[in-house]
Amino acid sequence: MIQRPGAWLRHPACASLALVLALGAGGCRRETTGPVLAPLVLTWQDEFDGAAGTTPDATKWVHDVGTGWGNSQLEYDTDRAENACLDGLGHLTIVARREDYLGCAYTSARIKTEGLFQQTRGRFEARIGGKRWVVEYEPDGDLRDTEQVPVTEPGGIAAFIEREVLPYAQDAWVDEDKTEIGYEISFTRYFYKPQPLRSLEEIRPDILALEKETEGLLGEIIGGTSR
């Protein structure tokens, strides 16, 4: 379950969206009994099948240009074909070169899909060094939880999840197939009639009676004296 300190229902008697949240478990798919997984659908790919010497597809990749990414690297990452290009055989080649470049003794390349494509779960495959690597993320049913979001929530579901869920479970997402719209009625709010508090003058006799009833009780417990 997603642990969120101090979680409670704060929007009684309001229209709300019931969301099912899930957390992913990374690794290879386990061959165990359980729910039938939906067929995989291809959402993104790059076969690097361009001409030799050309840079990676700019509609799929962006370059980090510079150095000092927090890993104490010695190279300066560029967007030049000399450091990252296709080889004409369906491969992306990233080359580290020894050369003086903008204060660094080496150059290389660093590419990513940020801003062009993002996916947090599913099956990811890559051929690296002639080997096929596979990482698969699938929901863990034991980590599912629900949230109730007011229909009038400023910023909608995304803003609610970012504020109330992601600070405590960064890899949580919403299973939109299970999202429902409905109403919640607070029985306490609409059907409970609180009794007015009694005045001090009314409760004073009760307090005095309790004092008299317990008189000497503490001494009896501590010192063994009788009342």
C-alpha atoms as a PDB file:
ATOM      1  CA  MET A   1       0.000   0.000   0.000  1.00  0.00           C
ATOM      2  CA  ILE A   2       1.149   3.557  -0.565  1.00  0.00           C
ATOM      3  CA  GLN A   3       2.060   4.979   2.830  1.00  0.00           C
ATOM      4  CA  ARG A   4       1.003   8.572   3.241  1.00  0.00           C
ATOM      5  CA  PRO A   5       1.291  10.030   6.763  1.00  0.00           C
ATOM      6  CA  GLY A   6      -1.903  11.550   8.085  1.00  0.00           C
ATOM      7  CA  ALA A   7      -4.098  10.434   5.213  1.00  0.00           C
ATOM      8  CA  TRP A   8      -7.802  11.110   5.633  1.00  0.00           C
ATOM      9  CA  LEU A   9     -10.883  11.992   3.575  1.00  0.00           C
ATOM     10  CA  ARG A  10     -10.974  15.749   3.492  1.00  0.00           C
ATOM     11  CA  HIS A  11     -13.755  16.374   0.968  1.00  0.00           C
ATOM     12  CA  PRO A  12     -17.026  14.984   2.378  1.00  0.00           C
ATOM     13  CA  ALA A  13     -20.251  15.270   0.417  1.00  0.00           C
ATOM     14  CA  CYS A  14     -18.619  16.350  -2.830  1.00  0.00           C
ATOM     15  CA  ALA A  15     -18.371  14.949  -6.312  1.00  0.00           C
ATOM     16  CA  SER A  16     -15.131  13.035  -6.618  1.00  0.00           C
ATOM     17  CA  LEU A  17     -13.031  10.816  -8.835  1.00  0.00           C
ATOM     18  CA  ALA A  18     -12.012   7.442  -7.466  1.00  0.00           C
ATOM     19  CA  LEU A  19      -8.499   6.682  -8.662  1.00  0.00           C
ATOM     20  CA  VAL A  20      -6.566   3.447  -8.477  1.00  0.00           C
ATOM     21  CA  LEU A  21      -2.869   4.014  -7.949  1.00  0.00           C
ATOM     22  CA  ALA A  22      -0.166   1.469  -8.644  1.00  0.00           C
ATOM     23  CA  LEU A  23       3.529   1.074  -8.061  1.00  0.00           C
ATOM     24  CA  GLY A  24       5.818  -0.689 -10.482  1.00  0.00           C
ATOM     25  CA  ALA A  25       8.258  -3.478  -9.875  1.00  0.00           C
ATOM     26  CA  GLY A  26      11.291  -3.459 -12.169  1.00  0.00           C
ATOM     27  CA  GLY A  27      12.986  -6.541 -13.563  1.00  0.00           C
ATOM     28  CA  CYS A  28      12.278  -9.491 -15.804  1.00  0.00           C
ATOM     29  CA  ARG A  29       8.714 -10.716 -16.083  1.00  0.00           C
ATOM     30  CA  ARG A  30       8.078 -13.540 -13.623  1.00  0.00           C
ATOM     31  CA  GLU A  31       6.377 -16.692 -14.846  1.00  0.00           C
ATOM     32  CA  THR A  32       3.876 -17.050 -12.016  1.00  0.00           C
ATOM     33  CA  THR A  33       0.148 -17.418 -11.779  1.00  0.00           C
ATOM     34  CA  GLY A  34      -1.780 -14.170 -11.658  1.00  0.00           C
ATOM     35  CA  PRO A  35      -3.798 -11.759 -13.776  1.00  0.00           C
ATOM     36  CA  VAL A  36      -3.459 -12.021 -17.537  1.00  0.00           C
ATOM     37  CA  LEU A  37      -1.246  -9.214 -18.806  1.00  0.00           C
ATOM     38  CA  ALA A  38      -2.476  -7.089 -21.691  1.00  0.00           C
ATOM     39  CA  PRO A  39      -0.684  -7.599 -25.031  1.00  0.00           C
ATOM     40  CA  LEU A  40       2.333  -5.367 -25.513  1.00  0.00           C
ATOM     41  CA  VAL A  41       1.839  -2.397 -27.848  1.00  0.00           C
ATOM     42  CA  LEU A  42       4.836  -0.734 -29.497  1.00  0.00           C
ATOM     43  CA  THR A  43       4.963   2.914 -28.421  1.00  0.00           C
ATOM     44  CA  TRP A  44       8.451   4.005 -29.494  1.00  0.00           C
ATOM     45  CA  GLN A  45      11.459   2.675 -31.380  1.00  0.00           C
ATOM     46  CA  ASP A  46      14.600   3.757 -33.150  1.00  0.00           C
ATOM     47  CA  GLU A  47      16.482   1.298 -35.347  1.00  0.00           C
ATOM     48  CA  PHE A  48      19.284   3.782 -36.162  1.00  0.00           C
ATOM     49  CA  ASP A  49      18.947   2.895 -39.839  1.00  0.00           C
ATOM     50  CA  GLY A  50      20.095   6.227 -41.286  1.00  0.00           C
ATOM     51  CA  ALA A  51      23.113   6.873 -43.456  1.00  0.00           C
ATOM     52  CA  ALA A  52      26.595   6.491 -42.014  1.00  0.00           C
ATOM     53  CA  GLY A  53      27.914   9.639 -40.366  1.00  0.00           C
ATOM     54  CA  THR A  54      24.532  11.217 -39.707  1.00  0.00           C
ATOM     55  CA  THR A  55      23.549  12.346 -36.231  1.00  0.00           C
ATOM     56  CA  PRO A  56      20.710  10.670 -34.287  1.00  0.00           C
ATOM     57  CA  ASP A  57      17.123  11.500 -35.270  1.00  0.00           C
ATOM     58  CA  ALA A  58      16.389  14.929 -33.775  1.00  0.00           C
ATOM     59  CA  THR A  59      12.687  14.062 -33.502  1.00  0.00           C
ATOM     60  CA  LYS A  60      13.565  11.304 -31.034  1.00  0.00           C
ATOM     61  CA  TRP A  61      16.774  12.407 -29.323  1.00  0.00           C
ATOM     62  CA  VAL A  62      18.153  15.554 -27.742  1.00  0.00           C
ATOM     63  CA  HIS A  63      21.747  16.198 -26.716  1.00  0.00           C
ATOM     64  CA  ASP A  64      23.032  17.226 -23.308  1.00  0.00           C
ATOM     65  CA  VAL A  65      25.760  19.671 -24.285  1.00  0.00           C
ATOM     66  CA  GLY A  66      28.354  20.531 -21.655  1.00  0.00           C
ATOM     67  CA  THR A  67      30.032  18.881 -18.700  1.00  0.00           C
ATOM     68  CA  GLY A  68      29.701  18.680 -14.936  1.00  0.00           C
ATOM     69  CA  TRP A  69      26.555  16.534 -14.692  1.00  0.00           C
ATOM     70  CA  GLY A  70      27.402  15.615 -11.115  1.00  0.00           C
ATOM     71  CA  ASN A  71      29.496  12.554 -12.006  1.00  0.00           C
ATOM     72  CA  SER A  72      32.963  14.196 -12.034  1.00  0.00           C
ATOM     73  CA  GLN A  73      33.389  13.342 -15.707  1.00  0.00           C
ATOM     74  CA  LEU A  74      36.446  14.508 -17.623  1.00  0.00           C
ATOM     75  CA  GLU A  75      34.833  14.862 -21.060  1.00  0.00           C
ATOM     76  CA  TYR A  76      32.788  17.620 -22.656  1.00  0.00           C
ATOM     77  CA  ASP A  77      29.577  16.282 -24.232  1.00  0.00           C
ATOM     78  CA  THR A  78      28.887  17.715 -27.683  1.00  0.00           C
ATOM     79  CA  ASP A  79      26.207  17.419 -30.329  1.00  0.00           C
ATOM     80  CA  ARG A  80      28.754  16.788 -33.095  1.00  0.00           C
ATOM     81  CA  ALA A  81      28.667  13.807 -35.422  1.00  0.00           C
ATOM     82  CA  GLU A  82      32.272  13.140 -34.421  1.00  0.00           C
ATOM     83  CA  ASN A  83      31.005  12.048 -31.027  1.00  0.00           C
ATOM     84  CA  ALA A  84      27.579  10.530 -31.825  1.00  0.00           C
ATOM     85  CA  CYS A  85      26.523   9.256 -35.239  1.00  0.00           C
ATOM     86  CA  LEU A  86      25.002   6.314 -37.080  1.00  0.00           C
ATOM     87  CA  ASP A  87      27.311   3.777 -38.701  1.00  0.00           C
ATOM     88  CA  GLY A  88      25.028   2.889 -41.628  1.00  0.00           C
ATOM     89  CA  LEU A  89      24.547  -0.671 -40.311  1.00  0.00           C
ATOM     90  CA  GLY A  90      21.730  -0.005 -37.864  1.00  0.00           C
ATOM     91  CA  HIS A  91      23.931   1.053 -34.953  1.00  0.00           C
ATOM     92  CA  LEU A  92      24.403   4.228 -32.960  1.00  0.00           C
ATOM     93  CA  THR A  93      28.071   4.915 -32.259  1.00  0.00           C
ATOM     94  CA  ILE A  94      29.147   7.127 -29.362  1.00  0.00           C
ATOM     95  CA  VAL A  95      32.854   7.950 -29.434  1.00  0.00           C
ATOM     96  CA  ALA A  96      34.998   9.451 -26.681  1.00  0.00           C
ATOM     97  CA  ARG A  97      37.860  11.442 -28.186  1.00  0.00           C
ATOM     98  CA  ARG A  98      41.031  12.731 -26.588  1.00  0.00           C
ATOM     99  CA  GLU A  99      41.170  16.376 -27.608  1.00  0.00           C
ATOM    100  CA  ASP A 100      41.267  19.780 -25.963  1.00  0.00           C
ATOM    101  CA  TYR A 101      37.751  21.166 -26.148  1.00  0.00           C
ATOM    102  CA  LEU A 102      36.372  24.098 -24.148  1.00  0.00           C
ATOM    103  CA  GLY A 103      38.614  23.398 -21.180  1.00  0.00           C
ATOM    104  CA  CYS A 104      38.247  19.610 -21.183  1.00  0.00           C
ATOM    105  CA  ALA A 105      40.764  17.000 -22.316  1.00  0.00           C
ATOM    106  CA  TYR A 106      38.123  14.712 -23.851  1.00  0.00           C
ATOM    107  CA  THR A 107      34.862  14.900 -25.776  1.00  0.00           C
ATOM    108  CA  SER A 108      31.941  12.502 -25.938  1.00  0.00           C
ATOM    109  CA  ALA A 109      28.163  12.578 -26.297  1.00  0.00           C
ATOM    110  CA  ARG A 110      25.133  12.222 -24.055  1.00  0.00           C
ATOM    111  CA  ILE A 111      21.670  11.828 -25.633  1.00  0.00           C
ATOM    112  CA  LYS A 112      18.193  11.370 -24.167  1.00  0.00           C
ATOM    113  CA  THR A 113      14.502  11.451 -25.121  1.00  0.00           C
ATOM    114  CA  GLU A 114      13.526  14.071 -22.518  1.00  0.00           C
ATOM    115  CA  GLY A 115      10.867  16.432 -23.857  1.00  0.00           C
ATOM    116  CA  LEU A 116      10.151  14.163 -26.837  1.00  0.00           C
ATOM    117  CA  PHE A 117       9.088  10.862 -25.278  1.00  0.00           C
ATOM    118  CA  GLN A 118       8.587   9.633 -21.743  1.00  0.00           C
ATOM    119  CA  GLN A 119       7.303   6.323 -20.390  1.00  0.00           C
ATOM    120  CA  THR A 120       7.531   5.036 -16.831  1.00  0.00           C
ATOM    121  CA  ARG A 121       6.389   1.432 -17.238  1.00  0.00           C
ATOM    122  CA  GLY A 122       6.335  -1.288 -19.853  1.00  0.00           C
ATOM    123  CA  ARG A 123       8.972  -3.318 -21.683  1.00  0.00           C
ATOM    124  CA  PHE A 124      12.226  -1.661 -22.735  1.00  0.00           C
ATOM    125  CA  GLU A 125      14.630  -3.370 -25.129  1.00  0.00           C
ATOM    126  CA  ALA A 126      18.004  -2.313 -26.485  1.00  0.00           C
ATOM    127  CA  ARG A 127      20.908  -3.889 -28.349  1.00  0.00           C
ATOM    128  CA  ILE A 128      24.127  -2.789 -26.666  1.00  0.00           C
ATOM    129  CA  GLY A 129      27.492  -4.201 -27.620  1.00  0.00           C
ATOM    130  CA  GLY A 130      25.834  -6.826 -29.787  1.00  0.00           C
ATOM    131  CA  LYS A 131      23.692  -8.130 -26.920  1.00  0.00           C
ATOM    132  CA  ARG A 132      19.948  -7.730 -26.438  1.00  0.00           C
ATOM    133  CA  TRP A 133      18.977  -6.235 -23.091  1.00  0.00           C
ATOM    134  CA  VAL A 134      15.408  -6.253 -21.739  1.00  0.00           C
ATOM    135  CA  VAL A 135      13.935  -4.492 -18.723  1.00  0.00           C
ATOM    136  CA  GLU A 136      10.243  -4.843 -17.948  1.00  0.00           C
ATOM    137  CA  TYR A 137       8.111  -2.959 -15.445  1.00  0.00           C
ATOM    138  CA  GLU A 138       4.691  -4.252 -14.467  1.00  0.00           C
ATOM    139  CA  PRO A 139       2.219  -3.253 -11.718  1.00  0.00           C
ATOM    140  CA  ASP A 140       2.477  -4.937  -8.338  1.00  0.00           C
ATOM    141  CA  GLY A 141      -1.074  -5.690  -7.198  1.00  0.00           C
ATOM    142  CA  ASP A 142      -0.015  -5.646  -3.534  1.00  0.00           C
ATOM    143  CA  LEU A 143       0.948  -1.966  -3.822  1.00  0.00           C
ATOM    144  CA  ARG A 144      -2.344  -0.601  -5.151  1.00  0.00           C
ATOM    145  CA  ASP A 145      -4.229   2.107  -3.316  1.00  0.00           C
ATOM    146  CA  THR A 146      -7.124   4.462  -3.996  1.00  0.00           C
ATOM    147  CA  GLU A 147      -7.560   8.203  -3.710  1.00  0.00           C
ATOM    148  CA  GLN A 148     -10.625  10.428  -3.851  1.00  0.00           C
ATOM    149  CA  VAL A 149     -10.190  13.646  -5.810  1.00  0.00           C
ATOM    150  CA  PRO A 150     -12.838  16.407  -5.938  1.00  0.00           C
ATOM    151  CA  VAL A 151     -14.133  17.071  -9.440  1.00  0.00           C
ATOM    152  CA  THR A 152     -13.413  20.771  -8.835  1.00  0.00           C
ATOM    153  CA  GLU A 153      -9.800  20.089  -7.800  1.00  0.00           C
ATOM    154  CA  PRO A 154      -7.653  22.980  -9.125  1.00  0.00           C
ATOM    155  CA  GLY A 155      -5.388  21.590 -11.810  1.00  0.00           C
ATOM    156  CA  GLY A 156      -7.311  18.318 -12.003  1.00  0.00           C
ATOM    157  CA  ILE A 157      -6.074  14.826 -11.241  1.00  0.00           C
ATOM    158  CA  ALA A 158      -2.494  15.514 -12.306  1.00  0.00           C
ATOM    159  CA  ALA A 159      -2.098  18.376  -9.845  1.00  0.00           C
ATOM    160  CA  PHE A 160      -3.599  16.302  -7.021  1.00  0.00           C
ATOM    161  CA  ILE A 161      -1.286  13.353  -7.688  1.00  0.00           C
ATOM    162  CA  GLU A 162       1.767  15.608  -7.898  1.00  0.00           C
ATOM    163  CA  ARG A 163       0.923  17.287  -4.586  1.00  0.00           C
ATOM    164  CA  GLU A 164      -0.511  14.445  -2.492  1.00  0.00           C
ATOM    165  CA  VAL A 165       0.998  11.212  -3.843  1.00  0.00           C
ATOM    166  CA  LEU A 166       4.279  11.610  -5.697  1.00  0.00           C
ATOM    167  CA  PRO A 167       6.189  13.139  -2.743  1.00  0.00           C
ATOM    168  CA  TYR A 168       5.635   9.822  -0.918  1.00  0.00           C
ATOM    169  CA  ALA A 169       5.608   7.353  -3.854  1.00  0.00           C
ATOM    170  CA  GLN A 170       7.596   8.720  -6.781  1.00  0.00           C
ATOM    171  CA  ASP A 171       6.866   5.826  -9.164  1.00  0.00           C
ATOM    172  CA  ALA A 172       3.083   5.790  -8.626  1.00  0.00           C
ATOM    173  CA  TRP A 173       0.713   6.305 -11.541  1.00  0.00           C
ATOM    174  CA  VAL A 174      -3.037   6.368 -12.135  1.00  0.00           C
ATOM    175  CA  ASP A 175      -4.799   3.366 -13.659  1.00  0.00           C
ATOM    176  CA  GLU A 176      -7.239   5.402 -15.740  1.00  0.00           C
ATOM    177  CA  ASP A 177      -9.282   2.315 -16.689  1.00  0.00           C
ATOM    178  CA  LYS A 178     -10.475   2.120 -13.083  1.00  0.00           C
ATOM    179  CA  THR A 179     -11.218   5.820 -12.590  1.00  0.00           C
ATOM    180  CA  GLU A 180     -14.839   6.410 -11.552  1.00  0.00           C
ATOM    181  CA  ILE A 181     -16.936   9.542 -10.977  1.00  0.00           C
ATOM    182  CA  GLY A 182     -19.360   9.522  -8.074  1.00  0.00           C
ATOM    183  CA  TYR A 183     -20.564  11.231  -4.916  1.00  0.00           C
ATOM    184  CA  GLU A 184     -19.662  10.739  -1.282  1.00  0.00           C
ATOM    185  CA  ILE A 185     -22.134  11.524   1.496  1.00  0.00           C
ATOM    186  CA  SER A 186     -20.803  12.166   4.992  1.00  0.00           C
ATOM    187  CA  PHE A 187     -23.341  10.624   7.373  1.00  0.00           C
ATOM    188  CA  THR A 188     -21.702  12.397  10.304  1.00  0.00           C
ATOM    189  CA  ARG A 189     -22.145  15.761   8.658  1.00  0.00           C
ATOM    190  CA  TYR A 190     -25.741  15.330   7.551  1.00  0.00           C
ATOM    191  CA  PHE A 191     -27.300  12.942  10.078  1.00  0.00           C
ATOM    192  CA  TYR A 192     -25.426  13.486  13.350  1.00  0.00           C
ATOM    193  CA  LYS A 193     -26.795  16.195  15.624  1.00  0.00           C
ATOM    194  CA  PRO A 194     -24.181  17.177  18.215  1.00  0.00           C
ATOM    195  CA  GLN A 195     -25.393  17.853  21.735  1.00  0.00           C
ATOM    196  CA  PRO A 196     -24.616  21.322  23.160  1.00  0.00           C
ATOM    197  CA  LEU A 197     -21.914  21.417  25.819  1.00  0.00           C
ATOM    198  CA  ARG A 198     -22.987  21.927  29.410  1.00  0.00           C
ATOM    199  CA  SER A 199     -21.974  25.070  31.233  1.00  0.00           C
ATOM    200  CA  LEU A 200     -19.386  25.096  34.037  1.00  0.00           C
ATOM    201  CA  GLU A 201     -22.125  25.662  36.607  1.00  0.00           C
ATOM    202  CA  GLU A 202     -23.863  22.478  35.430  1.00  0.00           C
ATOM    203  CA  ILE A 203     -20.798  20.240  35.574  1.00  0.00           C
ATOM    204  CA  ARG A 204     -19.357  21.650  38.842  1.00  0.00           C
ATOM    205  CA  PRO A 205     -21.448  19.304  41.060  1.00  0.00           C
ATOM    206  CA  ASP A 206     -20.264  16.293  39.045  1.00  0.00           C
ATOM    207  CA  ILE A 207     -16.626  17.355  39.464  1.00  0.00           C
ATOM    208  CA  LEU A 208     -17.018  17.804  43.222  1.00  0.00           C
ATOM    209  CA  ALA A 209     -18.722  14.405  43.498  1.00  0.00           C
ATOM    210  CA  LEU A 210     -15.816  12.728  41.680  1.00  0.00           C
ATOM    211  CA  GLU A 211     -13.316  14.448  43.948  1.00  0.00           C
ATOM    212  CA  LYS A 212     -15.126  13.218  47.051  1.00  0.00           C
ATOM    213  CA  GLU A 213     -15.414   9.692  45.653  1.00  0.00           C
ATOM    214  CA  THR A 214     -11.693   9.473  44.940  1.00  0.00           C
ATOM    215  CA  GLU A 215     -10.578  11.255  48.123  1.00  0.00           C
ATOM    216  CA  GLY A 216      -7.737   9.363  49.728  1.00  0.00           C
ATOM    217  CA  LEU A 217      -7.513   6.863  46.832  1.00  0.00           C
ATOM    218  CA  LEU A 218      -3.997   7.978  45.842  1.00  0.00           C
ATOM    219  CA  GLY A 219      -2.780   7.701  49.425  1.00  0.00           C
ATOM    220  CA  GLU A 220      -4.284   4.229  49.697  1.00  0.00           C
ATOM    221  CA  ILE A 221      -2.486   3.092  46.542  1.00  0.00           C
ATOM    222  CA  ILE A 222       0.900   4.565  47.465  1.00  0.00           C
ATOM    223  CA  GLY A 223       0.996   4.316  51.242  1.00  0.00           C
ATOM    224  CA  GLY A 224      -1.432   1.502  51.947  1.00  0.00           C
ATOM    225  CA  THR A 225      -3.671   3.711  54.086  1.00  0.00           C
ATOM    226  CA  SER A 226      -7.405   3.203  54.156  1.00  0.00           C
ATOM    227  CA  ARG A 227     -10.025   5.804  53.527  1.00  0.00           C
END
